[in-house]
Amino acid sequence: MDPIPIREITILPGRSRSGEPERFTSITIRPGDTISIVGPTGSGKSAFINDIEVFARNDTATGRTVLVNGTYPSEEFVRDPAYKPVALITQNTRCLADLTVTEFLAMHVRSRKIGDDDIALRTIDLANEFTGEKILPGARMTALSGGQTRSLLVADAILVAAAPVLLLDEVENAGIFKERVIEILQTGGKAVIFVTHDPLISLLSARRIVMRDGAVDRVIEPDGRENDALREARRLDGILRRMREHIRAGDLITEPVGA
């Protein structure tokens, strides 16, 4: 079975927790799309991306249906990790296998039948572009911090799994370099869907799906109207990032940290 090229993933509406039909006709995701899922805690954000991850067929609590290239994907396509085009990385992702980083990646490379001897090291190098805590090839997976683990799994999904669709559930809470992740994904033509409370990620996304009561409330496409807000969010995020690094280094912050 060859991997299926993904032209689009389509989400068809389900229902809210109170049983009301969702107020959209369909939501289509294509390669290169950047989408944020936003809303209050408990509004159904994670359930939305979980429906995509399992390719719901009106068989989850939300009643949504997910199509690939306009049709239902085959059972083998959905269940076989070697061919599944979606990678889900959550804020609670941890590795229980007591392997080194290199051994962990090598195991995944073998399972994918990839003949590239350098791909594991390239994956580590890419992960180190996403995190300020350097990941060493000989480090134990169980000893990595949350930010290191999620940075490594994002890089693995990009290079080893080569997943065309990435679902990232609040990974920014681990201190990952958000703009660099989005830049790499867009350059590689990946579709990326963020569940997020982060204003910068939301403003960087081309679309925002707003959730309420377990359902899609509306879809927002800013089309450049938020550029001023994005510039300010970038400035403030830069200040907070530099403060974070000073605090991690044990410095006293006795004066403002410039943008």
C-alpha atoms as a PDB file:
ATOM      1  CA  MET A   1       0.000   0.000   0.000  1.00  0.00           C
ATOM      2  CA  ASP A   2       1.475   3.380  -1.010  1.00  0.00           C
ATOM      3  CA  PRO A   3       0.879   6.528   1.059  1.00  0.00           C
ATOM      4  CA  ILE A   4      -2.130   8.484  -0.153  1.00  0.00           C
ATOM      5  CA  PRO A   5      -1.254  12.022  -1.297  1.00  0.00           C
ATOM      6  CA  ILE A   6      -3.329  14.452   0.724  1.00  0.00           C
ATOM      7  CA  ARG A   7      -5.015  17.159  -1.331  1.00  0.00           C
ATOM      8  CA  GLU A   8      -7.470  18.128   1.383  1.00  0.00           C
ATOM      9  CA  ILE A   9      -9.095  17.025   4.620  1.00  0.00           C
ATOM     10  CA  THR A  10     -12.720  18.046   5.085  1.00  0.00           C
ATOM     11  CA  ILE A  11     -14.551  18.252   8.416  1.00  0.00           C
ATOM     12  CA  LEU A  12     -18.333  17.953   8.221  1.00  0.00           C
ATOM     13  CA  PRO A  13     -20.422  19.390  11.064  1.00  0.00           C
ATOM     14  CA  GLY A  14     -21.661  17.547  14.113  1.00  0.00           C
ATOM     15  CA  ARG A  15     -23.458  18.915  17.149  1.00  0.00           C
ATOM     16  CA  SER A  16     -22.831  20.880  20.327  1.00  0.00           C
ATOM     17  CA  ARG A  17     -23.003  19.343  23.788  1.00  0.00           C
ATOM     18  CA  SER A  18     -26.584  20.554  24.021  1.00  0.00           C
ATOM     19  CA  GLY A  19     -27.422  18.772  20.758  1.00  0.00           C
ATOM     20  CA  GLU A  20     -27.613  21.845  18.514  1.00  0.00           C
ATOM     21  CA  PRO A  21     -26.205  21.418  14.963  1.00  0.00           C
ATOM     22  CA  GLU A  22     -22.873  23.113  14.345  1.00  0.00           C
ATOM     23  CA  ARG A  23     -23.147  26.306  12.326  1.00  0.00           C
ATOM     24  CA  PHE A  24     -20.843  25.578   9.406  1.00  0.00           C
ATOM     25  CA  THR A  25     -21.207  23.677   6.151  1.00  0.00           C
ATOM     26  CA  SER A  26     -17.683  22.228   6.008  1.00  0.00           C
ATOM     27  CA  ILE A  27     -14.118  23.130   6.965  1.00  0.00           C
ATOM     28  CA  THR A  28     -11.403  22.195   4.481  1.00  0.00           C
ATOM     29  CA  ILE A  29      -7.712  21.872   5.371  1.00  0.00           C
ATOM     30  CA  ARG A  30      -5.078  21.844   2.628  1.00  0.00           C
ATOM     31  CA  PRO A  31      -1.256  21.563   2.569  1.00  0.00           C
ATOM     32  CA  GLY A  32       0.335  24.783   3.807  1.00  0.00           C
ATOM     33  CA  ASP A  33      -2.689  25.864   5.884  1.00  0.00           C
ATOM     34  CA  THR A  34      -2.102  27.283   9.370  1.00  0.00           C
ATOM     35  CA  ILE A  35      -5.170  27.123  11.607  1.00  0.00           C
ATOM     36  CA  SER A  36      -5.695  27.899  15.289  1.00  0.00           C
ATOM     37  CA  ILE A  37      -8.417  26.338  17.405  1.00  0.00           C
ATOM     38  CA  VAL A  38      -9.365  28.801  20.152  1.00  0.00           C
ATOM     39  CA  GLY A  39     -11.959  29.148  22.882  1.00  0.00           C
ATOM     40  CA  PRO A  40     -12.372  28.877  26.640  1.00  0.00           C
ATOM     41  CA  THR A  41     -11.100  25.881  28.576  1.00  0.00           C
ATOM     42  CA  GLY A  42     -13.550  23.017  28.102  1.00  0.00           C
ATOM     43  CA  SER A  43     -15.052  24.434  24.910  1.00  0.00           C
ATOM     44  CA  GLY A  44     -14.181  21.379  22.773  1.00  0.00           C
ATOM     45  CA  LYS A  45     -10.853  22.384  21.197  1.00  0.00           C
ATOM     46  CA  SER A  46      -9.063  19.092  21.853  1.00  0.00           C
ATOM     47  CA  ALA A  47     -12.123  17.101  20.774  1.00  0.00           C
ATOM     48  CA  PHE A  48     -12.013  18.896  17.415  1.00  0.00           C
ATOM     49  CA  ILE A  49      -8.455  17.801  16.622  1.00  0.00           C
ATOM     50  CA  ASN A  50      -9.074  14.348  18.082  1.00  0.00           C
ATOM     51  CA  ASP A  51     -11.852  13.929  15.505  1.00  0.00           C
ATOM     52  CA  ILE A  52      -9.298  14.711  12.782  1.00  0.00           C
ATOM     53  CA  GLU A  53      -6.718  12.343  14.285  1.00  0.00           C
ATOM     54  CA  VAL A  54      -9.114   9.366  14.355  1.00  0.00           C
ATOM     55  CA  PHE A  55     -10.867  10.331  11.085  1.00  0.00           C
ATOM     56  CA  ALA A  56     -14.270  10.447  12.759  1.00  0.00           C
ATOM     57  CA  ARG A  57     -17.162   8.973  10.829  1.00  0.00           C
ATOM     58  CA  ASN A  58     -20.109  10.168  12.908  1.00  0.00           C
ATOM     59  CA  ASP A  59     -18.822   7.740  15.543  1.00  0.00           C
ATOM     60  CA  THR A  60     -17.516  10.141  18.208  1.00  0.00           C
ATOM     61  CA  ALA A  61     -19.341  12.225  20.809  1.00  0.00           C
ATOM     62  CA  THR A  62     -19.320  15.254  18.501  1.00  0.00           C
ATOM     63  CA  GLY A  63     -21.029  13.520  15.571  1.00  0.00           C
ATOM     64  CA  ARG A  64     -18.517  14.996  13.091  1.00  0.00           C
ATOM     65  CA  THR A  65     -17.282  13.276   9.937  1.00  0.00           C
ATOM     66  CA  VAL A  66     -13.801  13.699   8.458  1.00  0.00           C
ATOM     67  CA  LEU A  67     -13.112  13.024   4.779  1.00  0.00           C
ATOM     68  CA  VAL A  68      -9.785  12.688   2.969  1.00  0.00           C
ATOM     69  CA  ASN A  69      -9.740  13.922  -0.626  1.00  0.00           C
ATOM     70  CA  GLY A  70     -13.538  14.067  -0.539  1.00  0.00           C
ATOM     71  CA  THR A  71     -14.189  10.493   0.559  1.00  0.00           C
ATOM     72  CA  TYR A  72     -13.942   8.170   3.550  1.00  0.00           C
ATOM     73  CA  PRO A  73     -10.371   6.895   4.038  1.00  0.00           C
ATOM     74  CA  SER A  74      -9.889   3.132   4.039  1.00  0.00           C
ATOM     75  CA  GLU A  75      -9.591   1.269   7.342  1.00  0.00           C
ATOM     76  CA  GLU A  76      -5.936   0.372   6.641  1.00  0.00           C
ATOM     77  CA  PHE A  77      -5.150   3.997   5.891  1.00  0.00           C
ATOM     78  CA  VAL A  78      -6.678   5.108   9.193  1.00  0.00           C
ATOM     79  CA  ARG A  79      -5.191   2.413  11.446  1.00  0.00           C
ATOM     80  CA  ASP A  80      -1.706   1.774  10.029  1.00  0.00           C
ATOM     81  CA  PRO A  81       0.760   4.245  11.647  1.00  0.00           C
ATOM     82  CA  ALA A  82       3.173   3.818   8.727  1.00  0.00           C
ATOM     83  CA  TYR A  83       0.679   5.422   6.329  1.00  0.00           C
ATOM     84  CA  LYS A  84      -1.399   7.679   8.553  1.00  0.00           C
ATOM     85  CA  PRO A  85      -0.954  11.283   7.321  1.00  0.00           C
ATOM     86  CA  VAL A  86      -1.764  12.933  10.660  1.00  0.00           C
ATOM     87  CA  ALA A  87       0.570  13.377  13.637  1.00  0.00           C
ATOM     88  CA  LEU A  88      -0.909  14.482  16.982  1.00  0.00           C
ATOM     89  CA  ILE A  89       1.389  15.978  19.619  1.00  0.00           C
ATOM     90  CA  THR A  90      -0.144  17.066  22.919  1.00  0.00           C
ATOM     91  CA  GLN A  91       1.049  19.038  25.916  1.00  0.00           C
ATOM     92  CA  ASN A  92       1.051  15.785  27.936  1.00  0.00           C
ATOM     93  CA  THR A  93       3.246  13.815  25.535  1.00  0.00           C
ATOM     94  CA  ARG A  94       5.978  11.925  27.393  1.00  0.00           C
ATOM     95  CA  CYS A  95       8.194   9.014  26.410  1.00  0.00           C
ATOM     96  CA  LEU A  96       8.262   5.960  28.674  1.00  0.00           C
ATOM     97  CA  ALA A  97      10.865   4.011  26.658  1.00  0.00           C
ATOM     98  CA  ASP A  98      14.310   4.138  28.331  1.00  0.00           C
ATOM     99  CA  LEU A  99      16.166   4.720  25.053  1.00  0.00           C
ATOM    100  CA  THR A 100      18.651   7.343  23.986  1.00  0.00           C
ATOM    101  CA  VAL A 101      17.373   9.994  21.592  1.00  0.00           C
ATOM    102  CA  THR A 102      19.364   8.376  18.767  1.00  0.00           C
ATOM    103  CA  GLU A 103      18.000   4.893  19.560  1.00  0.00           C
ATOM    104  CA  PHE A 104      14.427   6.221  19.706  1.00  0.00           C
ATOM    105  CA  LEU A 105      14.743   7.897  16.312  1.00  0.00           C
ATOM    106  CA  ALA A 106      16.534   4.902  14.783  1.00  0.00           C
ATOM    107  CA  MET A 107      13.652   2.662  15.846  1.00  0.00           C
ATOM    108  CA  HIS A 108      11.178   4.951  14.097  1.00  0.00           C
ATOM    109  CA  VAL A 109      13.402   5.205  11.006  1.00  0.00           C
ATOM    110  CA  ARG A 110      13.536   1.389  10.765  1.00  0.00           C
ATOM    111  CA  SER A 111       9.766   1.059  11.199  1.00  0.00           C
ATOM    112  CA  ARG A 112       9.312   3.498   8.298  1.00  0.00           C
ATOM    113  CA  LYS A 113      11.842   1.553   6.176  1.00  0.00           C
ATOM    114  CA  ILE A 114      13.860   4.737   5.534  1.00  0.00           C
ATOM    115  CA  GLY A 115      17.337   4.186   4.121  1.00  0.00           C
ATOM    116  CA  ASP A 116      18.763   7.606   5.061  1.00  0.00           C
ATOM    117  CA  ASP A 117      21.645   7.161   7.524  1.00  0.00           C
ATOM    118  CA  ASP A 118      21.745  10.838   8.523  1.00  0.00           C
ATOM    119  CA  ILE A 119      18.039  11.472   9.124  1.00  0.00           C
ATOM    120  CA  ALA A 120      18.234  10.906  12.904  1.00  0.00           C
ATOM    121  CA  LEU A 121      20.936  13.530  13.369  1.00  0.00           C
ATOM    122  CA  ARG A 122      19.109  15.957  11.067  1.00  0.00           C
ATOM    123  CA  THR A 123      15.984  15.439  13.179  1.00  0.00           C
ATOM    124  CA  ILE A 124      17.891  16.303  16.364  1.00  0.00           C
ATOM    125  CA  ASP A 125      19.366  19.393  14.685  1.00  0.00           C
ATOM    126  CA  LEU A 126      15.885  20.514  13.615  1.00  0.00           C
ATOM    127  CA  ALA A 127      14.486  19.898  17.110  1.00  0.00           C
ATOM    128  CA  ASN A 128      17.221  22.127  18.515  1.00  0.00           C
ATOM    129  CA  GLU A 129      15.925  24.966  16.335  1.00  0.00           C
ATOM    130  CA  PHE A 130      12.638  24.725  18.249  1.00  0.00           C
ATOM    131  CA  THR A 131      13.919  24.652  21.838  1.00  0.00           C
ATOM    132  CA  GLY A 132      16.426  26.631  23.870  1.00  0.00           C
ATOM    133  CA  GLU A 133      17.348  23.493  25.818  1.00  0.00           C
ATOM    134  CA  LYS A 134      19.833  21.646  23.604  1.00  0.00           C
ATOM    135  CA  ILE A 135      18.979  17.999  22.925  1.00  0.00           C
ATOM    136  CA  LEU A 136      22.014  15.691  22.841  1.00  0.00           C
ATOM    137  CA  PRO A 137      21.964  12.466  20.781  1.00  0.00           C
ATOM    138  CA  GLY A 138      22.978  10.374  23.801  1.00  0.00           C
ATOM    139  CA  ALA A 139      20.396  11.843  26.186  1.00  0.00           C
ATOM    140  CA  ARG A 140      17.769   9.486  27.562  1.00  0.00           C
ATOM    141  CA  MET A 141      14.265  10.088  26.281  1.00  0.00           C
ATOM    142  CA  THR A 142      12.894   9.744  29.820  1.00  0.00           C
ATOM    143  CA  ALA A 143      15.236  12.528  30.990  1.00  0.00           C
ATOM    144  CA  LEU A 144      14.117  15.115  28.412  1.00  0.00           C
ATOM    145  CA  SER A 145      12.062  18.068  29.577  1.00  0.00           C
ATOM    146  CA  GLY A 146       8.563  18.643  28.254  1.00  0.00           C
ATOM    147  CA  GLY A 147       9.819  21.280  25.820  1.00  0.00           C
ATOM    148  CA  GLN A 148      12.629  19.061  24.560  1.00  0.00           C
ATOM    149  CA  THR A 149      10.307  16.081  24.102  1.00  0.00           C
ATOM    150  CA  ARG A 150       7.722  18.042  22.149  1.00  0.00           C
ATOM    151  CA  SER A 151      10.373  19.773  20.032  1.00  0.00           C
ATOM    152  CA  LEU A 152      11.864  16.370  19.165  1.00  0.00           C
ATOM    153  CA  LEU A 153       8.459  14.889  18.306  1.00  0.00           C
ATOM    154  CA  VAL A 154       7.581  17.849  16.074  1.00  0.00           C
ATOM    155  CA  ALA A 155      10.896  17.445  14.238  1.00  0.00           C
ATOM    156  CA  ASP A 156      10.315  13.677  14.015  1.00  0.00           C
ATOM    157  CA  ALA A 157       6.838  14.227  12.555  1.00  0.00           C
ATOM    158  CA  ILE A 158       8.313  16.568   9.931  1.00  0.00           C
ATOM    159  CA  LEU A 159      11.322  14.508   8.830  1.00  0.00           C
ATOM    160  CA  VAL A 160      10.818  10.856   9.806  1.00  0.00           C
ATOM    161  CA  ALA A 161       7.044  10.424   9.753  1.00  0.00           C
ATOM    162  CA  ALA A 162       6.799  13.051   6.991  1.00  0.00           C
ATOM    163  CA  ALA A 163       3.216  13.660   8.112  1.00  0.00           C
ATOM    164  CA  PRO A 164       1.484  16.231   5.882  1.00  0.00           C
ATOM    165  CA  VAL A 165      -0.877  17.271   8.718  1.00  0.00           C
ATOM    166  CA  LEU A 166       0.316  18.140  12.235  1.00  0.00           C
ATOM    167  CA  LEU A 167      -2.070  18.616  15.154  1.00  0.00           C
ATOM    168  CA  LEU A 168      -0.377  20.473  18.020  1.00  0.00           C
ATOM    169  CA  ASP A 169      -2.314  20.660  21.285  1.00  0.00           C
ATOM    170  CA  GLU A 170      -1.000  23.577  23.395  1.00  0.00           C
ATOM    171  CA  VAL A 171       2.663  22.727  22.734  1.00  0.00           C
ATOM    172  CA  GLU A 172       3.616  26.387  23.240  1.00  0.00           C
ATOM    173  CA  ASN A 173       3.267  25.846  26.988  1.00  0.00           C
ATOM    174  CA  ALA A 174       6.626  24.072  26.852  1.00  0.00           C
ATOM    175  CA  GLY A 175       8.505  27.187  25.712  1.00  0.00           C
ATOM    176  CA  ILE A 176       8.963  26.043  22.112  1.00  0.00           C
ATOM    177  CA  PHE A 177      10.097  28.673  19.603  1.00  0.00           C
ATOM    178  CA  LYS A 178       6.666  29.106  18.039  1.00  0.00           C
ATOM    179  CA  GLU A 179       7.473  31.238  15.027  1.00  0.00           C
ATOM    180  CA  ARG A 180      10.289  28.914  13.943  1.00  0.00           C
ATOM    181  CA  VAL A 181       7.973  25.896  14.079  1.00  0.00           C
ATOM    182  CA  ILE A 182       5.365  27.673  11.943  1.00  0.00           C
ATOM    183  CA  GLU A 183       8.015  28.889   9.477  1.00  0.00           C
ATOM    184  CA  ILE A 184       9.438  25.376   8.956  1.00  0.00           C
ATOM    185  CA  LEU A 185       5.992  23.818   8.580  1.00  0.00           C
ATOM    186  CA  GLN A 186       4.815  26.401   6.063  1.00  0.00           C
ATOM    187  CA  THR A 187       8.042  26.136   4.069  1.00  0.00           C
ATOM    188  CA  GLY A 188       7.579  22.361   3.885  1.00  0.00           C
ATOM    189  CA  GLY A 189       3.952  22.649   2.775  1.00  0.00           C
ATOM    190  CA  LYS A 190       2.569  21.078   5.958  1.00  0.00           C
ATOM    191  CA  ALA A 191      -0.905  21.793   7.238  1.00  0.00           C
ATOM    192  CA  VAL A 192      -0.662  22.658  10.931  1.00  0.00           C
ATOM    193  CA  ILE A 193      -3.572  22.986  13.333  1.00  0.00           C
ATOM    194  CA  PHE A 194      -2.836  24.487  16.753  1.00  0.00           C
ATOM    195  CA  VAL A 195      -5.018  24.184  19.813  1.00  0.00           C
ATOM    196  CA  THR A 196      -3.852  27.308  21.603  1.00  0.00           C
ATOM    197  CA  HIS A 197      -4.452  30.075  24.110  1.00  0.00           C
ATOM    198  CA  ASP A 198      -1.413  31.960  22.789  1.00  0.00           C
ATOM    199  CA  PRO A 199      -2.216  35.296  21.087  1.00  0.00           C
ATOM    200  CA  LEU A 200       0.887  35.178  18.867  1.00  0.00           C
ATOM    201  CA  ILE A 201       0.085  31.746  17.446  1.00  0.00           C
ATOM    202  CA  SER A 202      -3.530  32.793  16.896  1.00  0.00           C
ATOM    203  CA  LEU A 203      -2.476  35.955  15.058  1.00  0.00           C
ATOM    204  CA  LEU A 204       0.075  34.055  12.950  1.00  0.00           C
ATOM    205  CA  SER A 205      -2.619  31.641  11.754  1.00  0.00           C
ATOM    206  CA  ALA A 206      -4.498  32.264   8.514  1.00  0.00           C
ATOM    207  CA  ARG A 207      -7.740  31.020  10.087  1.00  0.00           C
ATOM    208  CA  ARG A 208      -9.125  30.750  13.619  1.00  0.00           C
ATOM    209  CA  ILE A 209     -11.800  28.246  14.531  1.00  0.00           C
ATOM    210  CA  VAL A 210     -13.663  29.506  17.603  1.00  0.00           C
ATOM    211  CA  MET A 211     -15.192  26.836  19.858  1.00  0.00           C
ATOM    212  CA  ARG A 212     -18.144  27.150  22.265  1.00  0.00           C
ATOM    213  CA  ASP A 213     -20.113  24.436  24.088  1.00  0.00           C
ATOM    214  CA  GLY A 214     -18.248  21.642  22.297  1.00  0.00           C
ATOM    215  CA  ALA A 215     -19.052  23.031  18.840  1.00  0.00           C
ATOM    216  CA  VAL A 216     -17.590  25.320  16.195  1.00  0.00           C
ATOM    217  CA  ASP A 217     -19.057  28.760  16.893  1.00  0.00           C
ATOM    218  CA  ARG A 218     -17.482  30.527  13.905  1.00  0.00           C
ATOM    219  CA  VAL A 219     -14.461  30.559  11.600  1.00  0.00           C
ATOM    220  CA  ILE A 220     -12.460  33.800  11.346  1.00  0.00           C
ATOM    221  CA  GLU A 221     -10.237  34.693   8.377  1.00  0.00           C
ATOM    222  CA  PRO A 222      -8.459  37.990   9.238  1.00  0.00           C
ATOM    223  CA  ASP A 223      -7.000  38.548   5.713  1.00  0.00           C
ATOM    224  CA  GLY A 224      -4.394  41.046   6.909  1.00  0.00           C
ATOM    225  CA  ARG A 225      -6.721  43.065   9.133  1.00  0.00           C
ATOM    226  CA  GLU A 226      -4.772  42.043  12.255  1.00  0.00           C
ATOM    227  CA  ASN A 227      -1.292  43.027  11.041  1.00  0.00           C
ATOM    228  CA  ASP A 228      -0.903  45.809  13.613  1.00  0.00           C
ATOM    229  CA  ALA A 229      -1.898  43.458  16.420  1.00  0.00           C
ATOM    230  CA  LEU A 230       0.522  40.819  15.077  1.00  0.00           C
ATOM    231  CA  ARG A 231       3.434  43.274  15.125  1.00  0.00           C
ATOM    232  CA  GLU A 232       2.656  44.189  18.735  1.00  0.00           C
ATOM    233  CA  ALA A 233       2.293  40.526  19.724  1.00  0.00           C
ATOM    234  CA  ARG A 234       5.700  39.767  18.183  1.00  0.00           C
ATOM    235  CA  ARG A 235       7.281  42.657  20.109  1.00  0.00           C
ATOM    236  CA  LEU A 236       5.765  41.589  23.423  1.00  0.00           C
ATOM    237  CA  ASP A 237       6.597  37.922  22.806  1.00  0.00           C
ATOM    238  CA  GLY A 238      10.230  38.900  22.210  1.00  0.00           C
ATOM    239  CA  ILE A 239      10.331  40.737  25.545  1.00  0.00           C
ATOM    240  CA  LEU A 240       8.815  37.778  27.396  1.00  0.00           C
ATOM    241  CA  ARG A 241      11.183  35.335  25.682  1.00  0.00           C
ATOM    242  CA  ARG A 242      14.232  37.350  26.759  1.00  0.00           C
ATOM    243  CA  MET A 243      12.858  37.657  30.308  1.00  0.00           C
ATOM    244  CA  ARG A 244      12.334  33.889  30.376  1.00  0.00           C
ATOM    245  CA  GLU A 245      15.948  33.264  29.373  1.00  0.00           C
ATOM    246  CA  HIS A 246      17.269  35.703  32.011  1.00  0.00           C
ATOM    247  CA  ILE A 247      15.151  34.051  34.693  1.00  0.00           C
ATOM    248  CA  ARG A 248      16.284  30.578  33.625  1.00  0.00           C
ATOM    249  CA  ALA A 249      19.895  31.748  33.826  1.00  0.00           C
ATOM    250  CA  GLY A 250      19.344  32.903  37.402  1.00  0.00           C
ATOM    251  CA  ASP A 251      19.577  36.620  36.638  1.00  0.00           C
ATOM    252  CA  LEU A 252      17.864  39.395  38.542  1.00  0.00           C
ATOM    253  CA  ILE A 253      15.757  41.552  36.234  1.00  0.00           C
ATOM    254  CA  THR A 254      16.199  45.034  37.682  1.00  0.00           C
ATOM    255  CA  GLU A 255      15.341  47.023  34.570  1.00  0.00           C
ATOM    256  CA  PRO A 256      13.037  46.633  31.560  1.00  0.00           C
ATOM    257  CA  VAL A 257      14.074  44.078  28.953  1.00  0.00           C
ATOM    258  CA  GLY A 258      13.948  45.803  25.557  1.00  0.00           C
ATOM    259  CA  ALA A 259      12.105  44.439  22.571  1.00  0.00           C
END
